Amino acid sequence: QVQLVESGGGLVQAGGSLRLSCAASGRTFSNYATMGWFRQAPGKEREFVARIRWSGGGIYYADSVKGRFIISMDNAKNTVYLQMNSLKPEDTAVYYCAADASGVVGVVPLGWDYWGQGTQVTVSS
């Protein structure tokens, strides 16, 4: 059974940084599989944040986080990271890790194969 386990969320002041981790287990992903981060704020729809191929390529960011967030892979640890810098109160949300084994999904939540349980990120002003 595939599991995605997120960690690293918390409370931080505006301008601060956090690093989220997502450890994958239960199956072997190919190099073209895609790992992604989404977030969902209260009362809002889940939105795309960033994605990366299991190979480490194919990186893509939402405009709202471009230049502030960095997604990366550690294949030896089956872990994807999201380094979040210059955090803003509007970044406050539950952050979810997702995986698509086929590597064909886009930037919407529909179609991703696996999801983590989410980790809360709160940015105070």
C-alpha atoms as a PDB file:
ATOM      1  CA  GLN A   1       0.000   0.000   0.000  1.00  0.00           C
ATOM      2  CA  VAL A   2       1.404   3.368  -1.023  1.00  0.00           C
ATOM      3  CA  GLN A   3       1.868   5.908   1.723  1.00  0.00           C
ATOM      4  CA  LEU A   4       2.853   9.556   1.484  1.00  0.00           C
ATOM      5  CA  VAL A   5       3.735  11.042   4.854  1.00  0.00           C
ATOM      6  CA  GLU A   6       4.234  14.791   5.145  1.00  0.00           C
ATOM      7  CA  SER A   7       6.098  16.557   7.923  1.00  0.00           C
ATOM      8  CA  GLY A   8       7.625  19.939   8.658  1.00  0.00           C
ATOM      9  CA  GLY A   9       4.594  22.153   8.977  1.00  0.00           C
ATOM     10  CA  GLY A  10       4.160  24.631  11.788  1.00  0.00           C
ATOM     11  CA  LEU A  11       3.726  28.242  12.810  1.00  0.00           C
ATOM     12  CA  VAL A  12       6.105  30.849  11.438  1.00  0.00           C
ATOM     13  CA  GLN A  13       6.186  34.622  11.223  1.00  0.00           C
ATOM     14  CA  ALA A  14       5.837  36.404   7.901  1.00  0.00           C
ATOM     15  CA  GLY A  15       9.172  36.488   6.113  1.00  0.00           C
ATOM     16  CA  GLY A  16      10.289  33.232   7.704  1.00  0.00           C
ATOM     17  CA  SER A  17      11.005  29.826   6.221  1.00  0.00           C
ATOM     18  CA  LEU A  18       9.842  26.246   6.586  1.00  0.00           C
ATOM     19  CA  ARG A  19      10.816  23.020   4.848  1.00  0.00           C
ATOM     20  CA  LEU A  20       8.184  20.398   4.226  1.00  0.00           C
ATOM     21  CA  SER A  21       9.074  16.761   3.605  1.00  0.00           C
ATOM     22  CA  CYS A  22       7.047  13.995   2.007  1.00  0.00           C
ATOM     23  CA  ALA A  23       8.304  10.429   2.385  1.00  0.00           C
ATOM     24  CA  ALA A  24       6.914   7.895  -0.083  1.00  0.00           C
ATOM     25  CA  SER A  25       6.707   4.173   0.602  1.00  0.00           C
ATOM     26  CA  GLY A  26       4.930   1.087  -0.649  1.00  0.00           C
ATOM     27  CA  ARG A  27       5.951   1.096  -4.314  1.00  0.00           C
ATOM     28  CA  THR A  28       8.760   1.923  -6.669  1.00  0.00           C
ATOM     29  CA  PHE A  29       8.177   4.979  -8.832  1.00  0.00           C
ATOM     30  CA  SER A  30       9.648   5.342 -12.291  1.00  0.00           C
ATOM     31  CA  ASN A  31      11.671   8.380 -13.327  1.00  0.00           C
ATOM     32  CA  TYR A  32       8.715   9.907 -15.166  1.00  0.00           C
ATOM     33  CA  ALA A  33       6.397   9.681 -12.148  1.00  0.00           C
ATOM     34  CA  THR A  34       5.465  13.081 -10.767  1.00  0.00           C
ATOM     35  CA  MET A  35       5.477  14.287  -7.192  1.00  0.00           C
ATOM     36  CA  GLY A  36       3.596  17.423  -6.294  1.00  0.00           C
ATOM     37  CA  TRP A  37       2.585  19.778  -3.540  1.00  0.00           C
ATOM     38  CA  PHE A  38      -0.873  21.274  -3.213  1.00  0.00           C
ATOM     39  CA  ARG A  39      -2.412  23.454  -0.519  1.00  0.00           C
ATOM     40  CA  GLN A  40      -5.866  24.194   0.746  1.00  0.00           C
ATOM     41  CA  ALA A  41      -6.835  27.197   2.833  1.00  0.00           C
ATOM     42  CA  PRO A  42     -10.091  27.284   4.833  1.00  0.00           C
ATOM     43  CA  GLY A  43     -13.069  27.852   2.570  1.00  0.00           C
ATOM     44  CA  LYS A  44     -10.993  27.588  -0.580  1.00  0.00           C
ATOM     45  CA  GLU A  45     -10.360  24.897  -3.163  1.00  0.00           C
ATOM     46  CA  ARG A  46      -7.202  22.838  -3.152  1.00  0.00           C
ATOM     47  CA  GLU A  47      -4.624  24.547  -5.347  1.00  0.00           C
ATOM     48  CA  PHE A  48      -1.415  23.502  -7.048  1.00  0.00           C
ATOM     49  CA  VAL A  49       1.892  24.694  -5.574  1.00  0.00           C
ATOM     50  CA  ALA A  50       4.743  22.823  -7.291  1.00  0.00           C
ATOM     51  CA  ARG A  51       5.645  19.563  -8.990  1.00  0.00           C
ATOM     52  CA  ILE A  52       8.773  17.591  -9.900  1.00  0.00           C
ATOM     53  CA  ARG A  53       9.535  14.394 -11.739  1.00  0.00           C
ATOM     54  CA  TRP A  54      10.885  11.480  -9.752  1.00  0.00           C
ATOM     55  CA  SER A  55      14.054  11.957 -11.832  1.00  0.00           C
ATOM     56  CA  GLY A  56      14.414  15.464 -10.419  1.00  0.00           C
ATOM     57  CA  GLY A  57      13.486  17.229 -13.654  1.00  0.00           C
ATOM     58  CA  GLY A  58      10.283  18.766 -14.922  1.00  0.00           C
ATOM     59  CA  ILE A  59      10.026  21.319 -12.121  1.00  0.00           C
ATOM     60  CA  TYR A  60       7.063  23.666 -12.295  1.00  0.00           C
ATOM     61  CA  TYR A  61       5.696  26.229  -9.830  1.00  0.00           C
ATOM     62  CA  ALA A  62       2.498  28.139  -9.351  1.00  0.00           C
ATOM     63  CA  ASP A  63       2.997  31.844 -10.040  1.00  0.00           C
ATOM     64  CA  SER A  64       2.068  32.650  -6.440  1.00  0.00           C
ATOM     65  CA  VAL A  65       5.134  30.819  -5.071  1.00  0.00           C
ATOM     66  CA  LYS A  66       7.646  31.203  -7.903  1.00  0.00           C
ATOM     67  CA  GLY A  67      10.910  32.667  -6.628  1.00  0.00           C
ATOM     68  CA  ARG A  68      10.068  31.869  -2.994  1.00  0.00           C
ATOM     69  CA  PHE A  69       9.521  28.090  -2.884  1.00  0.00           C
ATOM     70  CA  ILE A  70      11.887  25.362  -4.053  1.00  0.00           C
ATOM     71  CA  ILE A  71      10.859  21.770  -4.727  1.00  0.00           C
ATOM     72  CA  SER A  72      13.472  19.013  -4.722  1.00  0.00           C
ATOM     73  CA  MET A  73      13.846  15.218  -4.680  1.00  0.00           C
ATOM     74  CA  ASP A  74      16.068  12.854  -2.736  1.00  0.00           C
ATOM     75  CA  ASN A  75      15.652   9.563  -4.550  1.00  0.00           C
ATOM     76  CA  ALA A  76      17.818   7.684  -2.056  1.00  0.00           C
ATOM     77  CA  LYS A  77      15.304   8.575   0.651  1.00  0.00           C
ATOM     78  CA  ASN A  78      12.182   8.444  -1.573  1.00  0.00           C
ATOM     79  CA  THR A  79      11.440  11.919  -0.282  1.00  0.00           C
ATOM     80  CA  VAL A  80      10.295  15.144  -1.903  1.00  0.00           C
ATOM     81  CA  TYR A  81      10.891  18.477  -0.202  1.00  0.00           C
ATOM     82  CA  LEU A  82       9.325  21.909  -0.388  1.00  0.00           C
ATOM     83  CA  GLN A  83      11.555  24.689   0.873  1.00  0.00           C
ATOM     84  CA  MET A  84       9.350  27.684   1.580  1.00  0.00           C
ATOM     85  CA  ASN A  85      11.042  31.059   1.976  1.00  0.00           C
ATOM     86  CA  SER A  86       9.735  34.594   2.417  1.00  0.00           C
ATOM     87  CA  LEU A  87       6.486  33.207   3.708  1.00  0.00           C
ATOM     88  CA  LYS A  88       3.377  35.375   3.644  1.00  0.00           C
ATOM     89  CA  PRO A  89       0.141  35.139   5.648  1.00  0.00           C
ATOM     90  CA  GLU A  90      -1.621  34.127   2.432  1.00  0.00           C
ATOM     91  CA  ASP A  91       0.538  30.996   2.327  1.00  0.00           C
ATOM     92  CA  THR A  92      -1.369  29.724   5.368  1.00  0.00           C
ATOM     93  CA  ALA A  93      -3.000  26.405   4.433  1.00  0.00           C
ATOM     94  CA  VAL A  94      -2.883  22.673   4.830  1.00  0.00           C
ATOM     95  CA  TYR A  95      -0.167  21.444   2.475  1.00  0.00           C
ATOM     96  CA  TYR A  96      -0.623  18.088   0.767  1.00  0.00           C
ATOM     97  CA  CYS A  97       1.878  15.883  -0.998  1.00  0.00           C
ATOM     98  CA  ALA A  98       0.659  13.971  -4.055  1.00  0.00           C
ATOM     99  CA  ALA A  99       2.049  11.388  -6.451  1.00  0.00           C
ATOM    100  CA  ASP A 100       1.149  10.439  -9.986  1.00  0.00           C
ATOM    101  CA  ALA A 101       2.695   7.170 -11.099  1.00  0.00           C
ATOM    102  CA  SER A 102       2.080   7.761 -14.798  1.00  0.00           C
ATOM    103  CA  GLY A 103       3.493  11.285 -14.916  1.00  0.00           C
ATOM    104  CA  VAL A 104       0.692  12.686 -17.082  1.00  0.00           C
ATOM    105  CA  VAL A 105      -1.221  14.854 -14.629  1.00  0.00           C
ATOM    106  CA  GLY A 106      -1.335  18.622 -14.771  1.00  0.00           C
ATOM    107  CA  VAL A 107      -1.751  21.285 -12.137  1.00  0.00           C
ATOM    108  CA  VAL A 108      -5.208  20.357 -10.880  1.00  0.00           C
ATOM    109  CA  PRO A 109      -5.903  17.890  -8.053  1.00  0.00           C
ATOM    110  CA  LEU A 110      -7.891  15.583 -10.349  1.00  0.00           C
ATOM    111  CA  GLY A 111      -6.005  12.541 -11.550  1.00  0.00           C
ATOM    112  CA  TRP A 112      -3.256  12.262  -8.971  1.00  0.00           C
ATOM    113  CA  ASP A 113      -2.961   8.688  -7.733  1.00  0.00           C
ATOM    114  CA  TYR A 114      -1.901   9.121  -4.128  1.00  0.00           C
ATOM    115  CA  TRP A 115      -2.237  11.786  -1.439  1.00  0.00           C
ATOM    116  CA  GLY A 116      -0.724  12.405   1.949  1.00  0.00           C
ATOM    117  CA  GLN A 117      -2.706  13.369   5.016  1.00  0.00           C
ATOM    118  CA  GLY A 118      -1.593  17.001   4.937  1.00  0.00           C
ATOM    119  CA  THR A 119       0.459  19.222   7.213  1.00  0.00           C
ATOM    120  CA  GLN A 120      -0.645  22.608   8.548  1.00  0.00           C
ATOM    121  CA  VAL A 121       1.377  25.712   7.729  1.00  0.00           C
ATOM    122  CA  THR A 122       0.394  28.908   9.507  1.00  0.00           C
ATOM    123  CA  VAL A 123       2.085  32.224   8.746  1.00  0.00           C
ATOM    124  CA  SER A 124       1.438  35.031  11.208  1.00  0.00           C
ATOM    125  CA  SER A 125       1.608  38.687  10.237  1.00  0.00           C
END
